[in-house]
Each structure stands twice: as C-alpha cells, then as structure tokens.
PDB file of N, CA and C in Angstrom:
ATOM      1  N   UNK A   1      -0.403  13.908 -22.260  1.00  0.00           N
ATOM      2  CA  UNK A   1       1.070  13.522 -23.084  1.00  0.00           C
ATOM      3  C   UNK A   1       2.131  14.727 -22.331  1.00  0.00           C
ATOM      4  N   UNK A   2       3.557  14.138 -21.795  1.00  0.00           N
ATOM      5  CA  UNK A   2       4.746  14.854 -21.548  1.00  0.00           C
ATOM      6  C   UNK A   2       5.804  14.602 -22.017  1.00  0.00           C
ATOM      7  N   UNK A   3       6.272  14.932 -23.068  1.00  0.00           N
ATOM      8  CA  UNK A   3       7.635  14.278 -23.221  1.00  0.00           C
ATOM      9  C   UNK A   3       8.967  15.495 -23.076  1.00  0.00           C
ATOM     10  N   UNK A   4       9.789  15.921 -22.699  1.00  0.00           N
ATOM     11  CA  UNK A   4      11.307  16.310 -22.060  1.00  0.00           C
ATOM     12  C   UNK A   4      11.946  15.323 -22.601  1.00  0.00           C
ATOM     13  N   UNK A   5      11.813  14.486 -23.447  1.00  0.00           N
ATOM     14  CA  UNK A   5      13.325  13.767 -23.695  1.00  0.00           C
ATOM     15  C   UNK A   5      14.831  14.570 -24.410  1.00  0.00           C
ATOM     16  N   UNK A   6      15.807  14.095 -23.899  1.00  0.00           N
ATOM     17  CA  UNK A   6      16.906  15.183 -24.506  1.00  0.00           C
ATOM     18  C   UNK A   6      16.521  16.431 -25.116  1.00  0.00           C
ATOM     19  N   UNK A   7      16.818  16.752 -23.900  1.00  0.00           N
ATOM     20  CA  UNK A   7      16.509  18.313 -23.417  1.00  0.00           C
ATOM     21  C   UNK A   7      17.640  19.217 -23.132  1.00  0.00           C
ATOM     22  N   UNK A   8      18.132  18.570 -22.112  1.00  0.00           N
ATOM     23  CA  UNK A   8      19.122  18.662 -21.783  1.00  0.00           C
ATOM     24  C   UNK A   8      18.772  19.896 -19.964  1.00  0.00           C
ATOM     25  N   UNK A   9      17.964  18.867 -19.478  1.00  0.00           N
ATOM     26  CA  UNK A   9      16.863  19.238 -18.326  1.00  0.00           C
ATOM     27  C   UNK A   9      17.739  19.408 -17.650  1.00  0.00           C
ATOM     28  N   UNK A  10      17.756  20.410 -16.167  1.00  0.00           N
ATOM     29  CA  UNK A  10      18.683  20.060 -15.284  1.00  0.00           C
ATOM     30  C   UNK A  10      17.862  20.742 -13.596  1.00  0.00           C
ATOM     31  N   UNK A  11      18.079  20.440 -12.790  1.00  0.00           N
ATOM     32  CA  UNK A  11      17.283  20.772 -11.314  1.00  0.00           C
ATOM     33  C   UNK A  11      16.212  19.109 -10.986  1.00  0.00           C
ATOM     34  N   UNK A  12      16.008  19.507  -9.638  1.00  0.00           N
ATOM     35  CA  UNK A  12      14.849  18.288  -9.400  1.00  0.00           C
ATOM     36  C   UNK A  12      13.448  18.205  -9.533  1.00  0.00           C
ATOM     37  N   UNK A  13      12.983  17.047  -9.957  1.00  0.00           N
ATOM     38  CA  UNK A  13      11.352  16.905 -10.982  1.00  0.00           C
ATOM     39  C   UNK A  13      10.718  17.786  -9.498  1.00  0.00           C
ATOM     40  N   UNK A  14       9.838  18.727  -9.836  1.00  0.00           N
ATOM     41  CA  UNK A  14       8.932  19.610  -9.318  1.00  0.00           C
ATOM     42  C   UNK A  14       7.801  19.039  -8.367  1.00  0.00           C
ATOM     43  N   UNK A  15       7.867  19.774  -7.584  1.00  0.00           N
ATOM     44  CA  UNK A  15       6.656  18.246  -6.839  1.00  0.00           C
ATOM     45  C   UNK A  15       5.322  18.663  -7.405  1.00  0.00           C
ATOM     46  N   UNK A  16       5.283  19.490  -7.501  1.00  0.00           N
ATOM     47  CA  UNK A  16       3.755  20.083  -8.586  1.00  0.00           C
ATOM     48  C   UNK A  16       3.390  19.006  -9.619  1.00  0.00           C
ATOM     49  N   UNK A  17       4.604  18.519  -9.925  1.00  0.00           N
ATOM     50  CA  UNK A  17       3.432  17.469 -11.082  1.00  0.00           C
ATOM     51  C   UNK A  17       2.961  16.374 -10.278  1.00  0.00           C
ATOM     52  N   UNK A  18       3.191  16.185  -9.539  1.00  0.00           N
ATOM     53  CA  UNK A  18       1.812  15.417  -8.405  1.00  0.00           C
ATOM     54  C   UNK A  18       0.511  15.970  -9.529  1.00  0.00           C
ATOM     55  N   UNK A  19       0.133  17.195  -9.540  1.00  0.00           N
ATOM     56  CA  UNK A  19      -1.433  17.420 -10.222  1.00  0.00           C
ATOM     57  C   UNK A  19      -1.621  17.129 -11.343  1.00  0.00           C
ATOM     58  N   UNK A  20      -0.915  16.556 -11.915  1.00  0.00           N
ATOM     59  CA  UNK A  20      -0.892  15.820 -13.194  1.00  0.00           C
ATOM     60  C   UNK A  20      -1.713  15.060 -12.708  1.00  0.00           C
ATOM     61  N   UNK A  21      -2.504  14.676 -12.162  1.00  0.00           N
ATOM     62  CA  UNK A  21      -3.427  13.445 -12.454  1.00  0.00           C
ATOM     63  C   UNK A  21      -4.210  12.776 -13.870  1.00  0.00           C
ATOM     64  N   UNK A  22      -3.903  13.562 -14.955  1.00  0.00           N
ATOM     65  CA  UNK A  22      -4.741  13.159 -15.736  1.00  0.00           C
ATOM     66  C   UNK A  22      -3.603  12.372 -16.916  1.00  0.00           C
ATOM     67  N   UNK A  23      -2.630  12.772 -16.497  1.00  0.00           N
ATOM     68  CA  UNK A  23      -1.316  12.633 -17.015  1.00  0.00           C
ATOM     69  C   UNK A  23      -1.168  10.689 -18.059  1.00  0.00           C
ATOM     70  N   UNK A  24      -0.836  10.364 -18.810  1.00  0.00           N
ATOM     71  CA  UNK A  24      -0.860   9.140 -19.202  1.00  0.00           C
ATOM     72  C   UNK A  24       0.443   9.210 -19.224  1.00  0.00           C
ATOM     73  N   UNK A  25       1.296   9.650 -20.225  1.00  0.00           N
ATOM     74  CA  UNK A  25       2.456   9.826 -20.665  1.00  0.00           C
ATOM     75  C   UNK A  25       3.876  10.360 -20.246  1.00  0.00           C
ATOM     76  N   UNK A  26       4.978  10.369 -20.014  1.00  0.00           N
ATOM     77  CA  UNK A  26       5.581  10.972 -19.055  1.00  0.00           C
ATOM     78  C   UNK A  26       7.437  10.381 -18.886  1.00  0.00           C
ATOM     79  N   UNK A  27       7.674  11.614 -20.169  1.00  0.00           N
ATOM     80  CA  UNK A  27       8.636  11.323 -20.166  1.00  0.00           C
ATOM     81  C   UNK A  27      10.228  12.001 -20.827  1.00  0.00           C
ATOM     82  N   UNK A  28      10.596  11.931 -19.194  1.00  0.00           N
ATOM     83  CA  UNK A  28      12.108  13.153 -19.188  1.00  0.00           C
ATOM     84  C   UNK A  28      13.629  11.704 -19.637  1.00  0.00           C
ATOM     85  N   UNK A  29      13.693  11.457 -20.431  1.00  0.00           N
ATOM     86  CA  UNK A  29      14.610  10.508 -20.485  1.00  0.00           C
ATOM     87  C   UNK A  29      16.020  11.268 -21.585  1.00  0.00           C
ATOM     88  N   UNK A  30      17.124  10.905 -20.407  1.00  0.00           N
ATOM     89  CA  UNK A  30      18.371  11.361 -21.404  1.00  0.00           C
ATOM     90  C   UNK A  30      17.778  12.900 -21.044  1.00  0.00           C
ATOM     91  N   UNK A  31      18.491  13.144 -19.737  1.00  0.00           N
ATOM     92  CA  UNK A  31      18.340  14.891 -19.269  1.00  0.00           C
ATOM     93  C   UNK A  31      19.483  14.293 -18.176  1.00  0.00           C
ATOM     94  N   UNK A  32      19.754  16.275 -17.634  1.00  0.00           N
ATOM     95  CA  UNK A  32      20.711  16.271 -15.936  1.00  0.00           C
ATOM     96  C   UNK A  32      19.800  16.489 -14.805  1.00  0.00           C
ATOM     97  N   UNK A  33      18.568  15.627 -14.636  1.00  0.00           N
ATOM     98  CA  UNK A  33      18.317  15.726 -13.417  1.00  0.00           C
ATOM     99  C   UNK A  33      18.622  15.357 -12.288  1.00  0.00           C
ATOM    100  N   UNK A  34      18.270  16.036 -10.877  1.00  0.00           N
ATOM    101  CA  UNK A  34      19.446  15.803 -10.089  1.00  0.00           C
ATOM    102  C   UNK A  34      17.630  15.262  -8.650  1.00  0.00           C
ATOM    103  N   UNK A  35      18.307  14.670  -8.049  1.00  0.00           N
ATOM    104  CA  UNK A  35      17.731  14.650  -7.106  1.00  0.00           C
ATOM    105  C   UNK A  35      17.035  13.037  -7.391  1.00  0.00           C
ATOM    106  N   UNK A  36      15.657  12.796  -6.018  1.00  0.00           N
ATOM    107  CA  UNK A  36      14.709  11.580  -5.974  1.00  0.00           C
ATOM    108  C   UNK A  36      13.414  11.862  -7.017  1.00  0.00           C
ATOM    109  N   UNK A  37      12.915  10.946  -6.971  1.00  0.00           N
ATOM    110  CA  UNK A  37      11.459  10.859  -7.425  1.00  0.00           C
ATOM    111  C   UNK A  37      10.379  11.239  -6.622  1.00  0.00           C
ATOM    112  N   UNK A  38       9.952  12.624  -6.186  1.00  0.00           N
ATOM    113  CA  UNK A  38       8.984  13.004  -5.570  1.00  0.00           C
ATOM    114  C   UNK A  38       8.161  12.488  -5.226  1.00  0.00           C
ATOM    115  N   UNK A  39       7.609  12.424  -3.718  1.00  0.00           N
ATOM    116  CA  UNK A  39       6.621  11.651  -2.981  1.00  0.00           C
ATOM    117  C   UNK A  39       4.827  12.198  -4.203  1.00  0.00           C
ATOM    118  N   UNK A  40       5.047  13.387  -4.576  1.00  0.00           N
ATOM    119  CA  UNK A  40       3.733  13.425  -5.189  1.00  0.00           C
ATOM    120  C   UNK A  40       3.582  13.003  -6.565  1.00  0.00           C
ATOM    121  N   UNK A  41       5.128  12.899  -7.404  1.00  0.00           N
ATOM    122  CA  UNK A  41       5.093  12.415  -9.010  1.00  0.00           C
ATOM    123  C   UNK A  41       4.170  10.992  -8.704  1.00  0.00           C
ATOM    124  N   UNK A  42       4.143  10.206  -7.308  1.00  0.00           N
ATOM    125  CA  UNK A  42       2.956   8.947  -7.374  1.00  0.00           C
ATOM    126  C   UNK A  42       1.264   9.427  -7.380  1.00  0.00           C
ATOM    127  N   UNK A  43       0.532  10.290  -7.351  1.00  0.00           N
ATOM    128  CA  UNK A  43      -0.255  10.833  -7.408  1.00  0.00           C
ATOM    129  C   UNK A  43      -0.864  11.118  -8.709  1.00  0.00           C
ATOM    130  N   UNK A  44      -0.216  10.767 -10.039  1.00  0.00           N
ATOM    131  CA  UNK A  44      -0.299  10.553 -11.784  1.00  0.00           C
ATOM    132  C   UNK A  44      -1.262   9.441 -11.644  1.00  0.00           C
ATOM    133  N   UNK A  45      -2.229   9.398 -11.102  1.00  0.00           N
ATOM    134  CA  UNK A  45      -3.011   7.552 -11.398  1.00  0.00           C
ATOM    135  C   UNK A  45      -2.960   7.373 -12.428  1.00  0.00           C
ATOM    136  N   UNK A  46      -3.030   8.313 -13.515  1.00  0.00           N
ATOM    137  CA  UNK A  46      -4.073   7.985 -14.617  1.00  0.00           C
ATOM    138  C   UNK A  46      -2.326   6.848 -15.787  1.00  0.00           C
ATOM    139  N   UNK A  47      -1.028   6.987 -14.846  1.00  0.00           N
ATOM    140  CA  UNK A  47       0.226   7.421 -15.809  1.00  0.00           C
ATOM    141  C   UNK A  47       0.548   5.889 -16.258  1.00  0.00           C
ATOM    142  N   UNK A  48       0.875   5.709 -17.719  1.00  0.00           N
ATOM    143  CA  UNK A  48       0.998   4.112 -18.490  1.00  0.00           C
ATOM    144  C   UNK A  48       2.484   4.071 -18.733  1.00  0.00           C
ATOM    145  N   UNK A  49       2.424   5.300 -19.036  1.00  0.00           N
ATOM    146  CA  UNK A  49       4.240   5.134 -19.255  1.00  0.00           C
ATOM    147  C   UNK A  49       5.261   5.498 -18.622  1.00  0.00           C
ATOM    148  N   UNK A  50       5.507   5.500 -17.878  1.00  0.00           N
ATOM    149  CA  UNK A  50       7.067   6.516 -17.173  1.00  0.00           C
ATOM    150  C   UNK A  50       8.195   5.912 -17.940  1.00  0.00           C
ATOM    151  N   UNK A  51       9.094   7.041 -18.246  1.00  0.00           N
ATOM    152  CA  UNK A  51      10.576   7.154 -18.994  1.00  0.00           C
ATOM    153  C   UNK A  51      11.508   8.134 -18.332  1.00  0.00           C
ATOM    154  N   UNK A  52      12.602   7.554 -17.297  1.00  0.00           N
ATOM    155  CA  UNK A  52      12.987   8.288 -16.422  1.00  0.00           C
ATOM    156  C   UNK A  52      14.383   7.864 -16.643  1.00  0.00           C
ATOM    157  N   UNK A  53      14.798   6.891 -17.804  1.00  0.00           N
ATOM    158  CA  UNK A  53      15.894   6.364 -18.129  1.00  0.00           C
ATOM    159  C   UNK A  53      16.989   7.570 -17.881  1.00  0.00           C
ATOM    160  N   UNK A  54      18.658   6.960 -17.707  1.00  0.00           N
ATOM    161  CA  UNK A  54      19.750   8.378 -18.316  1.00  0.00           C
ATOM    162  C   UNK A  54      19.217   9.841 -18.078  1.00  0.00           C
ATOM    163  N   UNK A  55      18.422   9.680 -17.122  1.00  0.00           N
ATOM    164  CA  UNK A  55      18.143  11.124 -15.990  1.00  0.00           C
ATOM    165  C   UNK A  55      19.080  11.590 -14.954  1.00  0.00           C
ATOM    166  N   UNK A  56      19.627  10.942 -14.367  1.00  0.00           N
ATOM    167  CA  UNK A  56      20.777  11.037 -13.334  1.00  0.00           C
ATOM    168  C   UNK A  56      20.036  11.282 -12.102  1.00  0.00           C
ATOM    169  N   UNK A  57      18.878  10.832 -11.746  1.00  0.00           N
ATOM    170  CA  UNK A  57      18.090  11.101 -10.891  1.00  0.00           C
ATOM    171  C   UNK A  57      18.675   9.280  -9.541  1.00  0.00           C
ATOM    172  N   UNK A  58      18.829   9.986  -8.369  1.00  0.00           N
ATOM    173  CA  UNK A  58      18.794   9.285  -7.468  1.00  0.00           C
ATOM    174  C   UNK A  58      18.101   9.493  -6.302  1.00  0.00           C
ATOM    175  N   UNK A  59      17.836   8.511  -6.028  1.00  0.00           N
ATOM    176  CA  UNK A  59      17.477   7.500  -4.489  1.00  0.00           C
ATOM    177  C   UNK A  59      16.505   6.019  -4.708  1.00  0.00           C
ATOM    178  N   UNK A  60      15.801   6.056  -4.273  1.00  0.00           N
ATOM    179  CA  UNK A  60      14.875   4.628  -4.565  1.00  0.00           C
ATOM    180  C   UNK A  60      13.752   5.124  -5.079  1.00  0.00           C
ATOM    181  N   UNK A  61      12.329   3.684  -5.444  1.00  0.00           N
ATOM    182  CA  UNK A  61      11.817   4.084  -5.987  1.00  0.00           C
ATOM    183  C   UNK A  61      11.017   3.593  -4.947  1.00  0.00           C
ATOM    184  N   UNK A  62       9.695   4.505  -3.975  1.00  0.00           N
ATOM    185  CA  UNK A  62       8.809   4.707  -3.270  1.00  0.00           C
ATOM    186  C   UNK A  62       7.999   3.745  -3.223  1.00  0.00           C
ATOM    187  N   UNK A  63       7.661   2.320  -1.824  1.00  0.00           N
ATOM    188  CA  UNK A  63       6.499   1.978  -1.993  1.00  0.00           C
ATOM    189  C   UNK A  63       5.295   2.820  -2.723  1.00  0.00           C
ATOM    190  N   UNK A  64       5.283   3.598  -3.059  1.00  0.00           N
ATOM    191  CA  UNK A  64       3.679   4.081  -3.533  1.00  0.00           C
ATOM    192  C   UNK A  64       3.846   4.601  -4.794  1.00  0.00           C
ATOM    193  N   UNK A  65       4.540   3.802  -5.615  1.00  0.00           N
ATOM    194  CA  UNK A  65       4.585   3.388  -6.996  1.00  0.00           C
ATOM    195  C   UNK A  65       3.276   2.350  -7.110  1.00  0.00           C
ATOM    196  N   UNK A  66       2.784   1.666  -5.759  1.00  0.00           N
ATOM    197  CA  UNK A  66       1.468   0.787  -5.998  1.00  0.00           C
ATOM    198  C   UNK A  66       0.619   1.797  -6.674  1.00  0.00           C
ATOM    199  N   UNK A  67       0.937   2.689  -6.388  1.00  0.00           N
ATOM    200  CA  UNK A  67      -0.574   4.007  -6.293  1.00  0.00           C
ATOM    201  C   UNK A  67      -0.896   3.932  -8.074  1.00  0.00           C
ATOM    202  N   UNK A  68      -0.154   3.676  -8.524  1.00  0.00           N
ATOM    203  CA  UNK A  68       0.250   3.580 -10.308  1.00  0.00           C
ATOM    204  C   UNK A  68      -0.030   2.350 -10.644  1.00  0.00           C
ATOM    205  N   UNK A  69      -1.441   2.461 -10.492  1.00  0.00           N
ATOM    206  CA  UNK A  69      -2.347   1.353 -10.891  1.00  0.00           C
ATOM    207  C   UNK A  69      -2.391   1.061 -12.779  1.00  0.00           C
ATOM    208  N   UNK A  70      -2.615   2.008 -12.709  1.00  0.00           N
ATOM    209  CA  UNK A  70      -2.528   1.594 -14.407  1.00  0.00           C
ATOM    210  C   UNK A  70      -1.231   1.903 -14.827  1.00  0.00           C
ATOM    211  N   UNK A  71      -0.449   2.229 -15.179  1.00  0.00           N
ATOM    212  CA  UNK A  71       1.361   1.727 -15.198  1.00  0.00           C
ATOM    213  C   UNK A  71       1.726   0.559 -15.946  1.00  0.00           C
ATOM    214  N   UNK A  72       1.730   0.649 -16.610  1.00  0.00           N
ATOM    215  CA  UNK A  72       2.258  -0.257 -18.170  1.00  0.00           C
ATOM    216  C   UNK A  72       3.379  -0.762 -18.416  1.00  0.00           C
ATOM    217  N   UNK A  73       4.091   0.396 -17.971  1.00  0.00           N
ATOM    218  CA  UNK A  73       5.565   0.486 -18.496  1.00  0.00           C
ATOM    219  C   UNK A  73       6.662   1.676 -17.487  1.00  0.00           C
ATOM    220  N   UNK A  74       7.804   1.288 -17.106  1.00  0.00           N
ATOM    221  CA  UNK A  74       7.805   1.600 -16.040  1.00  0.00           C
ATOM    222  C   UNK A  74      10.174   1.418 -16.809  1.00  0.00           C
ATOM    223  N   UNK A  75      10.679   2.420 -17.476  1.00  0.00           N
ATOM    224  CA  UNK A  75      12.077   2.923 -17.353  1.00  0.00           C
ATOM    225  C   UNK A  75      12.326   3.696 -16.732  1.00  0.00           C
ATOM    226  N   UNK A  76      13.952   3.012 -16.643  1.00  0.00           N
ATOM    227  CA  UNK A  76      14.102   3.335 -15.392  1.00  0.00           C
ATOM    228  C   UNK A  76      15.303   3.581 -14.738  1.00  0.00           C
ATOM    229  N   UNK A  77      16.755   2.240 -15.933  1.00  0.00           N
ATOM    230  CA  UNK A  77      18.043   2.560 -16.596  1.00  0.00           C
ATOM    231  C   UNK A  77      18.696   3.459 -16.290  1.00  0.00           C
ATOM    232  N   UNK A  78      19.606   3.463 -15.707  1.00  0.00           N
ATOM    233  CA  UNK A  78      20.910   4.038 -16.201  1.00  0.00           C
ATOM    234  C   UNK A  78      20.840   5.373 -15.712  1.00  0.00           C
ATOM    235  N   UNK A  79      20.356   5.408 -14.026  1.00  0.00           N
ATOM    236  CA  UNK A  79      21.071   6.721 -13.102  1.00  0.00           C
ATOM    237  C   UNK A  79      21.864   6.214 -11.827  1.00  0.00           C
ATOM    238  N   UNK A  80      21.637   7.492 -10.986  1.00  0.00           N
ATOM    239  CA  UNK A  80      22.144   7.418  -9.859  1.00  0.00           C
ATOM    240  C   UNK A  80      21.936   6.304  -9.080  1.00  0.00           C
TER     241      UNK A  80
END
C-alpha cells in the first residue's frame, strides 16, 4: 500500500514505480504532479486501487491499462 495523498508532491511520477509489481493500493490524490503516467506504471499487475485525481497529471491513459487485470477502482478526475 502506498498512500501519499495531500502531500504537496511535485514533479513527474518516476518510471521506477513499475517495479512495484506486488503493490495493490496506490494513491497520490491531490498533489502537484506533472506529466503523463509513465508506461512502466502499467507493469504493476497486482494493482487493485489506483487514485490519481487532482494531481495535475496530463496526457492520455495508455491502452496498456489493460495489463492491470486486477484493477477494481480507477479514480483519475480533475487532472489536466
């Protein structure tokens, strides 16, 4: 479980995050992140809960999101 919501984080999501293949819960809601979701992000096959809303991310959701076969909840509202 990784929850860094409401922490005023800045910058881009690191590509190394894709190495967290056993992570089930990822939440960076309400931060000041930049850029798009890195493609490596979609390697987190165990992910069931993904909350990226209000984080100022930009770009599109890759078709690689289909790799996240355990994903039950995807919250991405209020981004650029």
